[in-house]
């Protein structure tokens, strides 16, 4: 449940970090160009 943050914060971030991280090519492209990328 969303209210029990302590149990899943680490697991949730681990799942997301698979794609949303500093080495991701789309993240780096947006940070470098400030241009929105659609439909990834």
ModelCIF file with pLDDT and N, C-alpha, C, O atoms, coordinates in Angstrom:
data_MODEL
#
_entry.id   MODEL 
#
_entity.id                         1 
_entity.type                       polymer 
_entity.pdbx_number_of_molecules   1 
#
_entity_poly.entity_id                      1 
_entity_poly.type                           'polypeptide(L)' 
_entity_poly.nstd_linkage                   no 
_entity_poly.nstd_monomer                   no 
_entity_poly.pdbx_seq_one_letter_code       
;(UNK)(UNK)(UNK)(UNK)(UNK)(UNK)(UNK)(UNK)(UNK)(UNK)(UNK)(UNK)(UNK)(UNK)(UNK)(UNK)
(UNK)(UNK)(UNK)(UNK)(UNK)(UNK)(UNK)(UNK)(UNK)(UNK)(UNK)(UNK)(UNK)(UNK)(UNK)(UNK)
(UNK)(UNK)(UNK)(UNK)(UNK)(UNK)(UNK)(UNK)
;
_entity_poly.pdbx_seq_one_letter_code_can   XXXXXXXXXXXXXXXXXXXXXXXXXXXXXXXXXXXXXXXX 
_entity_poly.pdbx_strand_id                 A 
#
loop_
_entity_poly_seq.entity_id 
_entity_poly_seq.num 
_entity_poly_seq.mon_id 
_entity_poly_seq.hetero 
1 1  UNK n 
1 2  UNK n 
1 3  UNK n 
1 4  UNK n 
1 5  UNK n 
1 6  UNK n 
1 7  UNK n 
1 8  UNK n 
1 9  UNK n 
1 10 UNK n 
1 11 UNK n 
1 12 UNK n 
1 13 UNK n 
1 14 UNK n 
1 15 UNK n 
1 16 UNK n 
1 17 UNK n 
1 18 UNK n 
1 19 UNK n 
1 20 UNK n 
1 21 UNK n 
1 22 UNK n 
1 23 UNK n 
1 24 UNK n 
1 25 UNK n 
1 26 UNK n 
1 27 UNK n 
1 28 UNK n 
1 29 UNK n 
1 30 UNK n 
1 31 UNK n 
1 32 UNK n 
1 33 UNK n 
1 34 UNK n 
1 35 UNK n 
1 36 UNK n 
1 37 UNK n 
1 38 UNK n 
1 39 UNK n 
1 40 UNK n 
#
_struct_asym.id          A 
_struct_asym.entity_id   1 
#
loop_
_ma_qa_metric.id 
_ma_qa_metric.mode 
_ma_qa_metric.name 
_ma_qa_metric.software_group_id 
_ma_qa_metric.type 
1 global pLDDT . pLDDT 
2 local  pLDDT . pLDDT 
#
_ma_qa_metric_global.metric_id      1 
_ma_qa_metric_global.metric_value   84.40 
_ma_qa_metric_global.model_id       1 
_ma_qa_metric_global.ordinal_id     1 
#
loop_
_ma_qa_metric_local.label_asym_id 
_ma_qa_metric_local.label_comp_id 
_ma_qa_metric_local.label_seq_id 
_ma_qa_metric_local.metric_id 
_ma_qa_metric_local.metric_value 
_ma_qa_metric_local.model_id 
_ma_qa_metric_local.ordinal_id 
A UNK 1  2 54.00 1 1  
A UNK 2  2 52.00 1 2  
A UNK 3  2 53.00 1 3  
A UNK 4  2 57.00 1 4  
A UNK 5  2 57.00 1 5  
A UNK 6  2 60.00 1 6  
A UNK 7  2 64.00 1 7  
A UNK 8  2 65.00 1 8  
A UNK 9  2 76.00 1 9  
A UNK 10 2 80.00 1 10 
A UNK 11 2 82.00 1 11 
A UNK 12 2 84.00 1 12 
A UNK 13 2 86.00 1 13 
A UNK 14 2 87.00 1 14 
A UNK 15 2 88.00 1 15 
A UNK 16 2 91.00 1 16 
A UNK 17 2 90.00 1 17 
A UNK 18 2 88.00 1 18 
A UNK 19 2 92.00 1 19 
A UNK 20 2 93.00 1 20 
A UNK 21 2 92.00 1 21 
A UNK 22 2 91.00 1 22 
A UNK 23 2 92.00 1 23 
A UNK 24 2 93.00 1 24 
A UNK 25 2 94.00 1 25 
A UNK 26 2 95.00 1 26 
A UNK 27 2 95.00 1 27 
A UNK 28 2 94.00 1 28 
A UNK 29 2 95.00 1 29 
A UNK 30 2 95.00 1 30 
A UNK 31 2 94.00 1 31 
A UNK 32 2 94.00 1 32 
A UNK 33 2 94.00 1 33 
A UNK 34 2 93.00 1 34 
A UNK 35 2 94.00 1 35 
A UNK 36 2 95.00 1 36 
A UNK 37 2 96.00 1 37 
A UNK 38 2 95.00 1 38 
A UNK 39 2 92.00 1 39 
A UNK 40 2 94.00 1 40 
#
loop_
_atom_site.group_PDB 
_atom_site.id 
_atom_site.type_symbol 
_atom_site.label_atom_id 
_atom_site.label_alt_id 
_atom_site.label_comp_id 
_atom_site.label_asym_id 
_atom_site.label_entity_id 
_atom_site.label_seq_id 
_atom_site.pdbx_PDB_ins_code 
_atom_site.Cartn_x 
_atom_site.Cartn_y 
_atom_site.Cartn_z 
_atom_site.occupancy 
_atom_site.B_iso_or_equiv 
_atom_site.pdbx_formal_charge 
_atom_site.auth_seq_id 
_atom_site.auth_comp_id 
_atom_site.auth_asym_id 
_atom_site.auth_atom_id 
_atom_site.pdbx_PDB_model_num 
ATOM 1   N N  . UNK A 1 1  ? 0.831  -1.222 0.000   1.00 54.00 ? 1  UNK A N  1 
ATOM 2   C CA . UNK A 1 1  ? 0.000  0.000  0.000   1.00 54.00 ? 1  UNK A CA 1 
ATOM 3   C C  . UNK A 1 1  ? 0.854  1.255  0.000   1.00 54.00 ? 1  UNK A C  1 
ATOM 4   O O  . UNK A 1 1  ? 1.956  1.283  0.549   1.00 54.00 ? 1  UNK A O  1 
ATOM 5   N N  . UNK A 1 2  ? 0.321  2.288  -0.626  1.00 52.00 ? 2  UNK A N  1 
ATOM 6   C CA . UNK A 1 2  ? 1.079  3.520  -0.785  1.00 52.00 ? 2  UNK A CA 1 
ATOM 7   C C  . UNK A 1 2  ? 1.443  4.136  0.564   1.00 52.00 ? 2  UNK A C  1 
ATOM 8   O O  . UNK A 1 2  ? 2.472  4.800  0.686   1.00 52.00 ? 2  UNK A O  1 
ATOM 9   N N  . UNK A 1 3  ? 0.605  3.919  1.573   1.00 53.00 ? 3  UNK A N  1 
ATOM 10  C CA . UNK A 1 3  ? 0.856  4.537  2.886   1.00 53.00 ? 3  UNK A CA 1 
ATOM 11  C C  . UNK A 1 3  ? 2.060  3.924  3.605   1.00 53.00 ? 3  UNK A C  1 
ATOM 12  O O  . UNK A 1 3  ? 2.635  4.563  4.486   1.00 53.00 ? 3  UNK A O  1 
ATOM 13  N N  . UNK A 1 4  ? 2.445  2.714  3.250   1.00 57.00 ? 4  UNK A N  1 
ATOM 14  C CA . UNK A 1 4  ? 3.571  2.057  3.926   1.00 57.00 ? 4  UNK A CA 1 
ATOM 15  C C  . UNK A 1 4  ? 4.839  2.281  3.099   1.00 57.00 ? 4  UNK A C  1 
ATOM 16  O O  . UNK A 1 4  ? 5.371  1.349  2.496   1.00 57.00 ? 4  UNK A O  1 
ATOM 17  N N  . UNK A 1 5  ? 5.304  3.503  3.081   1.00 57.00 ? 5  UNK A N  1 
ATOM 18  C CA . UNK A 1 5  ? 6.405  3.883  2.205   1.00 57.00 ? 5  UNK A CA 1 
ATOM 19  C C  . UNK A 1 5  ? 7.704  3.167  2.536   1.00 57.00 ? 5  UNK A C  1 
ATOM 20  O O  . UNK A 1 5  ? 8.489  2.865  1.637   1.00 57.00 ? 5  UNK A O  1 
ATOM 21  N N  . UNK A 1 6  ? 7.937  2.895  3.795   1.00 60.00 ? 6  UNK A N  1 
ATOM 22  C CA . UNK A 1 6  ? 9.218  2.307  4.194   1.00 60.00 ? 6  UNK A CA 1 
ATOM 23  C C  . UNK A 1 6  ? 9.469  0.954  3.537   1.00 60.00 ? 6  UNK A C  1 
ATOM 24  O O  . UNK A 1 6  ? 10.617 0.595  3.277   1.00 60.00 ? 6  UNK A O  1 
ATOM 25  N N  . UNK A 1 7  ? 8.402  0.203  3.267   1.00 64.00 ? 7  UNK A N  1 
ATOM 26  C CA . UNK A 1 7  ? 8.563  -1.152 2.740   1.00 64.00 ? 7  UNK A CA 1 
ATOM 27  C C  . UNK A 1 7  ? 8.927  -1.183 1.266   1.00 64.00 ? 7  UNK A C  1 
ATOM 28  O O  . UNK A 1 7  ? 9.600  -2.108 0.812   1.00 64.00 ? 7  UNK A O  1 
ATOM 29  N N  . UNK A 1 8  ? 8.494  -0.192 0.524   1.00 65.00 ? 8  UNK A N  1 
ATOM 30  C CA . UNK A 1 8  ? 8.682  -0.331 -0.920  1.00 65.00 ? 8  UNK A CA 1 
ATOM 31  C C  . UNK A 1 8  ? 9.467  0.788  -1.583  1.00 65.00 ? 8  UNK A C  1 
ATOM 32  O O  . UNK A 1 8  ? 9.706  0.715  -2.789  1.00 65.00 ? 8  UNK A O  1 
ATOM 33  N N  . UNK A 1 9  ? 9.872  1.801  -0.868  1.00 76.00 ? 9  UNK A N  1 
ATOM 34  C CA . UNK A 1 9  ? 10.632 2.902  -1.475  1.00 76.00 ? 9  UNK A CA 1 
ATOM 35  C C  . UNK A 1 9  ? 11.863 2.385  -2.205  1.00 76.00 ? 9  UNK A C  1 
ATOM 36  O O  . UNK A 1 9  ? 12.118 2.752  -3.352  1.00 76.00 ? 9  UNK A O  1 
ATOM 37  N N  . UNK A 1 10 ? 12.612 1.542  -1.538  1.00 80.00 ? 10 UNK A N  1 
ATOM 38  C CA . UNK A 1 10 ? 13.839 1.015  -2.145  1.00 80.00 ? 10 UNK A CA 1 
ATOM 39  C C  . UNK A 1 10 ? 13.515 0.169  -3.369  1.00 80.00 ? 10 UNK A C  1 
ATOM 40  O O  . UNK A 1 10 ? 14.154 0.292  -4.413  1.00 80.00 ? 10 UNK A O  1 
ATOM 41  N N  . UNK A 1 11 ? 12.492 -0.710 -3.221  1.00 82.00 ? 11 UNK A N  1 
ATOM 42  C CA . UNK A 1 11 ? 12.110 -1.582 -4.346  1.00 82.00 ? 11 UNK A CA 1 
ATOM 43  C C  . UNK A 1 11 ? 11.592 -0.772 -5.526  1.00 82.00 ? 11 UNK A C  1 
ATOM 44  O O  . UNK A 1 11 ? 11.896 -1.074 -6.680  1.00 82.00 ? 11 UNK A O  1 
ATOM 45  N N  . UNK A 1 12 ? 10.805 0.261  -5.226  1.00 84.00 ? 12 UNK A N  1 
ATOM 46  C CA . UNK A 1 12 ? 10.257 1.106  -6.288  1.00 84.00 ? 12 UNK A CA 1 
ATOM 47  C C  . UNK A 1 12 ? 11.359 1.833  -7.045  1.00 84.00 ? 12 UNK A C  1 
ATOM 48  O O  . UNK A 1 12 ? 11.368 1.840  -8.276  1.00 84.00 ? 12 UNK A O  1 
ATOM 49  N N  . UNK A 1 13 ? 12.270 2.432  -6.332  1.00 86.00 ? 13 UNK A N  1 
ATOM 50  C CA . UNK A 1 13 ? 13.373 3.144  -6.973  1.00 86.00 ? 13 UNK A CA 1 
ATOM 51  C C  . UNK A 1 13 ? 14.237 2.195  -7.795  1.00 86.00 ? 13 UNK A C  1 
ATOM 52  O O  . UNK A 1 13 ? 14.751 2.554  -8.854  1.00 86.00 ? 13 UNK A O  1 
ATOM 53  N N  . UNK A 1 14 ? 14.384 0.975  -7.281  1.00 87.00 ? 14 UNK A N  1 
ATOM 54  C CA . UNK A 1 14 ? 15.186 -0.015 -8.008  1.00 87.00 ? 14 UNK A CA 1 
ATOM 55  C C  . UNK A 1 14 ? 14.530 -0.359 -9.343  1.00 87.00 ? 14 UNK A C  1 
ATOM 56  O O  . UNK A 1 14 ? 15.210 -0.498 -10.360 1.00 87.00 ? 14 UNK A O  1 
ATOM 57  N N  . UNK A 1 15 ? 13.203 -0.495 -9.330  1.00 88.00 ? 15 UNK A N  1 
ATOM 58  C CA . UNK A 1 15 ? 12.489 -0.788 -10.568 1.00 88.00 ? 15 UNK A CA 1 
ATOM 59  C C  . UNK A 1 15 ? 12.616 0.363  -11.559 1.00 88.00 ? 15 UNK A C  1 
ATOM 60  O O  . UNK A 1 15 ? 12.857 0.144  -12.746 1.00 88.00 ? 15 UNK A O  1 
ATOM 61  N N  . UNK A 1 16 ? 12.453 1.584  -11.071 1.00 91.00 ? 16 UNK A N  1 
ATOM 62  C CA . UNK A 1 16 ? 12.492 2.759  -11.940 1.00 91.00 ? 16 UNK A CA 1 
ATOM 63  C C  . UNK A 1 16 ? 13.896 3.046  -12.459 1.00 91.00 ? 16 UNK A C  1 
ATOM 64  O O  . UNK A 1 16 ? 14.077 3.490  -13.593 1.00 91.00 ? 16 UNK A O  1 
ATOM 65  N N  . UNK A 1 17 ? 14.881 2.785  -11.610 1.00 90.00 ? 17 UNK A N  1 
ATOM 66  C CA . UNK A 1 17 ? 16.262 3.103  -11.979 1.00 90.00 ? 17 UNK A CA 1 
ATOM 67  C C  . UNK A 1 17 ? 16.755 2.272  -13.161 1.00 90.00 ? 17 UNK A C  1 
ATOM 68  O O  . UNK A 1 17 ? 17.770 2.596  -13.779 1.00 90.00 ? 17 UNK A O  1 
ATOM 69  N N  . UNK A 1 18 ? 16.042 1.219  -13.463 1.00 88.00 ? 18 UNK A N  1 
ATOM 70  C CA . UNK A 1 18 ? 16.410 0.417  -14.629 1.00 88.00 ? 18 UNK A CA 1 
ATOM 71  C C  . UNK A 1 18 ? 16.374 1.247  -15.906 1.00 88.00 ? 18 UNK A C  1 
ATOM 72  O O  . UNK A 1 18 ? 17.141 1.009  -16.839 1.00 88.00 ? 18 UNK A O  1 
ATOM 73  N N  . UNK A 1 19 ? 15.456 2.240  -15.935 1.00 92.00 ? 19 UNK A N  1 
ATOM 74  C CA . UNK A 1 19 ? 15.340 3.093  -17.116 1.00 92.00 ? 19 UNK A CA 1 
ATOM 75  C C  . UNK A 1 19 ? 15.651 4.560  -16.807 1.00 92.00 ? 19 UNK A C  1 
ATOM 76  O O  . UNK A 1 19 ? 16.353 5.221  -17.573 1.00 92.00 ? 19 UNK A O  1 
ATOM 77  N N  . UNK A 1 20 ? 15.138 5.062  -15.698 1.00 93.00 ? 20 UNK A N  1 
ATOM 78  C CA . UNK A 1 20 ? 15.306 6.477  -15.363 1.00 93.00 ? 20 UNK A CA 1 
ATOM 79  C C  . UNK A 1 20 ? 16.594 6.661  -14.566 1.00 93.00 ? 20 UNK A C  1 
ATOM 80  O O  . UNK A 1 20 ? 16.586 6.608  -13.336 1.00 93.00 ? 20 UNK A O  1 
ATOM 81  N N  . UNK A 1 21 ? 17.699 6.878  -15.279 1.00 92.00 ? 21 UNK A N  1 
ATOM 82  C CA . UNK A 1 21 ? 19.006 7.038  -14.627 1.00 92.00 ? 21 UNK A CA 1 
ATOM 83  C C  . UNK A 1 21 ? 19.883 7.970  -15.455 1.00 92.00 ? 21 UNK A C  1 
ATOM 84  O O  . UNK A 1 21 ? 19.539 8.316  -16.585 1.00 92.00 ? 21 UNK A O  1 
ATOM 85  N N  . UNK A 1 22 ? 21.001 8.369  -14.895 1.00 91.00 ? 22 UNK A N  1 
ATOM 86  C CA . UNK A 1 22 ? 21.884 9.359  -15.530 1.00 91.00 ? 22 UNK A CA 1 
ATOM 87  C C  . UNK A 1 22 ? 22.512 8.852  -16.813 1.00 91.00 ? 22 UNK A C  1 
ATOM 88  O O  . UNK A 1 22 ? 22.890 9.651  -17.670 1.00 91.00 ? 22 UNK A O  1 
ATOM 89  N N  . UNK A 1 23 ? 22.633 7.535  -16.965 1.00 92.00 ? 23 UNK A N  1 
ATOM 90  C CA . UNK A 1 23 ? 23.277 6.991  -18.168 1.00 92.00 ? 23 UNK A CA 1 
ATOM 91  C C  . UNK A 1 23 ? 22.291 6.737  -19.303 1.00 92.00 ? 23 UNK A C  1 
ATOM 92  O O  . UNK A 1 23 ? 22.702 6.394  -20.411 1.00 92.00 ? 23 UNK A O  1 
ATOM 93  N N  . UNK A 1 24 ? 20.997 6.900  -19.041 1.00 93.00 ? 24 UNK A N  1 
ATOM 94  C CA . UNK A 1 24 ? 19.994 6.672  -20.090 1.00 93.00 ? 24 UNK A CA 1 
ATOM 95  C C  . UNK A 1 24 ? 20.157 7.687  -21.210 1.00 93.00 ? 24 UNK A C  1 
ATOM 96  O O  . UNK A 1 24 ? 20.283 8.884  -20.950 1.00 93.00 ? 24 UNK A O  1 
ATOM 97  N N  . UNK A 1 25 ? 20.156 7.216  -22.459 1.00 94.00 ? 25 UNK A N  1 
ATOM 98  C CA . UNK A 1 25 ? 20.416 8.092  -23.605 1.00 94.00 ? 25 UNK A CA 1 
ATOM 99  C C  . UNK A 1 25 ? 19.354 9.180  -23.754 1.00 94.00 ? 25 UNK A C  1 
ATOM 100 O O  . UNK A 1 25 ? 19.666 10.291 -24.184 1.00 94.00 ? 25 UNK A O  1 
ATOM 101 N N  . UNK A 1 26 ? 18.116 8.876  -23.406 1.00 95.00 ? 26 UNK A N  1 
ATOM 102 C CA . UNK A 1 26 ? 17.048 9.876  -23.541 1.00 95.00 ? 26 UNK A CA 1 
ATOM 103 C C  . UNK A 1 26 ? 17.187 10.945 -22.463 1.00 95.00 ? 26 UNK A C  1 
ATOM 104 O O  . UNK A 1 26 ? 17.014 12.133 -22.734 1.00 95.00 ? 26 UNK A O  1 
ATOM 105 N N  . UNK A 1 27 ? 17.504 10.519 -21.230 1.00 95.00 ? 27 UNK A N  1 
ATOM 106 C CA . UNK A 1 27 ? 17.714 11.473 -20.150 1.00 95.00 ? 27 UNK A CA 1 
ATOM 107 C C  . UNK A 1 27 ? 18.868 12.402 -20.492 1.00 95.00 ? 27 UNK A C  1 
ATOM 108 O O  . UNK A 1 27 ? 18.763 13.618 -20.332 1.00 95.00 ? 27 UNK A O  1 
ATOM 109 N N  . UNK A 1 28 ? 19.959 11.832 -20.960 1.00 94.00 ? 28 UNK A N  1 
ATOM 110 C CA . UNK A 1 28 ? 21.126 12.651 -21.320 1.00 94.00 ? 28 UNK A CA 1 
ATOM 111 C C  . UNK A 1 28 ? 20.809 13.604 -22.461 1.00 94.00 ? 28 UNK A C  1 
ATOM 112 O O  . UNK A 1 28 ? 21.269 14.746 -22.466 1.00 94.00 ? 28 UNK A O  1 
ATOM 113 N N  . UNK A 1 29 ? 20.013 13.132 -23.444 1.00 95.00 ? 29 UNK A N  1 
ATOM 114 C CA . UNK A 1 29 ? 19.658 13.969 -24.587 1.00 95.00 ? 29 UNK A CA 1 
ATOM 115 C C  . UNK A 1 29 ? 18.821 15.165 -24.153 1.00 95.00 ? 29 UNK A C  1 
ATOM 116 O O  . UNK A 1 29 ? 19.050 16.281 -24.620 1.00 95.00 ? 29 UNK A O  1 
ATOM 117 N N  . UNK A 1 30 ? 17.843 14.943 -23.254 1.00 95.00 ? 30 UNK A N  1 
ATOM 118 C CA . UNK A 1 30 ? 16.997 16.041 -22.785 1.00 95.00 ? 30 UNK A CA 1 
ATOM 119 C C  . UNK A 1 30 ? 17.819 17.041 -21.976 1.00 95.00 ? 30 UNK A C  1 
ATOM 120 O O  . UNK A 1 30 ? 17.664 18.252 -22.133 1.00 95.00 ? 30 UNK A O  1 
ATOM 121 N N  . UNK A 1 31 ? 18.698 16.527 -21.106 1.00 94.00 ? 31 UNK A N  1 
ATOM 122 C CA . UNK A 1 31 ? 19.542 17.426 -20.292 1.00 94.00 ? 31 UNK A CA 1 
ATOM 123 C C  . UNK A 1 31 ? 20.492 18.236 -21.161 1.00 94.00 ? 31 UNK A C  1 
ATOM 124 O O  . UNK A 1 31 ? 20.834 19.367 -20.814 1.00 94.00 ? 31 UNK A O  1 
ATOM 125 N N  . UNK A 1 32 ? 20.912 17.688 -22.257 1.00 94.00 ? 32 UNK A N  1 
ATOM 126 C CA . UNK A 1 32 ? 21.871 18.368 -23.118 1.00 94.00 ? 32 UNK A CA 1 
ATOM 127 C C  . UNK A 1 32 ? 21.199 19.361 -24.063 1.00 94.00 ? 32 UNK A C  1 
ATOM 128 O O  . UNK A 1 32 ? 21.715 20.454 -24.296 1.00 94.00 ? 32 UNK A O  1 
ATOM 129 N N  . UNK A 1 33 ? 20.035 18.969 -24.610 1.00 94.00 ? 33 UNK A N  1 
ATOM 130 C CA . UNK A 1 33 ? 19.402 19.793 -25.653 1.00 94.00 ? 33 UNK A CA 1 
ATOM 131 C C  . UNK A 1 33 ? 18.182 20.563 -25.178 1.00 94.00 ? 33 UNK A C  1 
ATOM 132 O O  . UNK A 1 33 ? 17.752 21.508 -25.839 1.00 94.00 ? 33 UNK A O  1 
ATOM 133 N N  . UNK A 1 34 ? 17.612 20.169 -24.024 1.00 93.00 ? 34 UNK A N  1 
ATOM 134 C CA . UNK A 1 34 ? 16.364 20.771 -23.519 1.00 93.00 ? 34 UNK A CA 1 
ATOM 135 C C  . UNK A 1 34 ? 15.213 20.606 -24.507 1.00 93.00 ? 34 UNK A C  1 
ATOM 136 O O  . UNK A 1 34 ? 14.309 21.440 -24.564 1.00 93.00 ? 34 UNK A O  1 
ATOM 137 N N  . UNK A 1 35 ? 15.252 19.535 -25.275 1.00 94.00 ? 35 UNK A N  1 
ATOM 138 C CA . UNK A 1 35 ? 14.195 19.240 -26.253 1.00 94.00 ? 35 UNK A CA 1 
ATOM 139 C C  . UNK A 1 35 ? 13.402 18.017 -25.782 1.00 94.00 ? 35 UNK A C  1 
ATOM 140 O O  . UNK A 1 35 ? 13.980 17.021 -25.349 1.00 94.00 ? 35 UNK A O  1 
ATOM 141 N N  . UNK A 1 36 ? 12.071 18.107 -25.874 1.00 95.00 ? 36 UNK A N  1 
ATOM 142 C CA . UNK A 1 36 ? 11.197 17.014 -25.447 1.00 95.00 ? 36 UNK A CA 1 
ATOM 143 C C  . UNK A 1 36 ? 11.242 15.862 -26.455 1.00 95.00 ? 36 UNK A C  1 
ATOM 144 O O  . UNK A 1 36 ? 11.226 16.080 -27.667 1.00 95.00 ? 36 UNK A O  1 
ATOM 145 N N  . UNK A 1 37 ? 11.296 14.659 -25.945 1.00 96.00 ? 37 UNK A N  1 
ATOM 146 C CA . UNK A 1 37 ? 11.269 13.446 -26.776 1.00 96.00 ? 37 UNK A CA 1 
ATOM 147 C C  . UNK A 1 37 ? 9.950  12.722 -26.505 1.00 96.00 ? 37 UNK A C  1 
ATOM 148 O O  . UNK A 1 37 ? 9.599  12.463 -25.354 1.00 96.00 ? 37 UNK A O  1 
ATOM 149 N N  . UNK A 1 38 ? 9.223  12.396 -27.583 1.00 95.00 ? 38 UNK A N  1 
ATOM 150 C CA . UNK A 1 38 ? 7.893  11.800 -27.447 1.00 95.00 ? 38 UNK A CA 1 
ATOM 151 C C  . UNK A 1 38 ? 7.900  10.306 -27.791 1.00 95.00 ? 38 UNK A C  1 
ATOM 152 O O  . UNK A 1 38 ? 8.735  9.829  -28.560 1.00 95.00 ? 38 UNK A O  1 
ATOM 153 N N  . UNK A 1 39 ? 6.952  9.593  -27.200 1.00 92.00 ? 39 UNK A N  1 
ATOM 154 C CA . UNK A 1 39 ? 6.625  8.205  -27.550 1.00 92.00 ? 39 UNK A CA 1 
ATOM 155 C C  . UNK A 1 39 ? 7.835  7.266  -27.456 1.00 92.00 ? 39 UNK A C  1 
ATOM 156 O O  . UNK A 1 39 ? 8.111  6.489  -28.370 1.00 92.00 ? 39 UNK A O  1 
ATOM 157 N N  . UNK A 1 40 ? 8.534  7.358  -26.349 1.00 94.00 ? 40 UNK A N  1 
ATOM 158 C CA . UNK A 1 40 ? 9.613  6.397  -26.095 1.00 94.00 ? 40 UNK A CA 1 
ATOM 159 C C  . UNK A 1 40 ? 8.963  5.101  -25.604 1.00 94.00 ? 40 UNK A C  1 
ATOM 160 O O  . UNK A 1 40 ? 9.661  4.129  -25.319 1.00 94.00 ? 40 UNK A O  1 
#
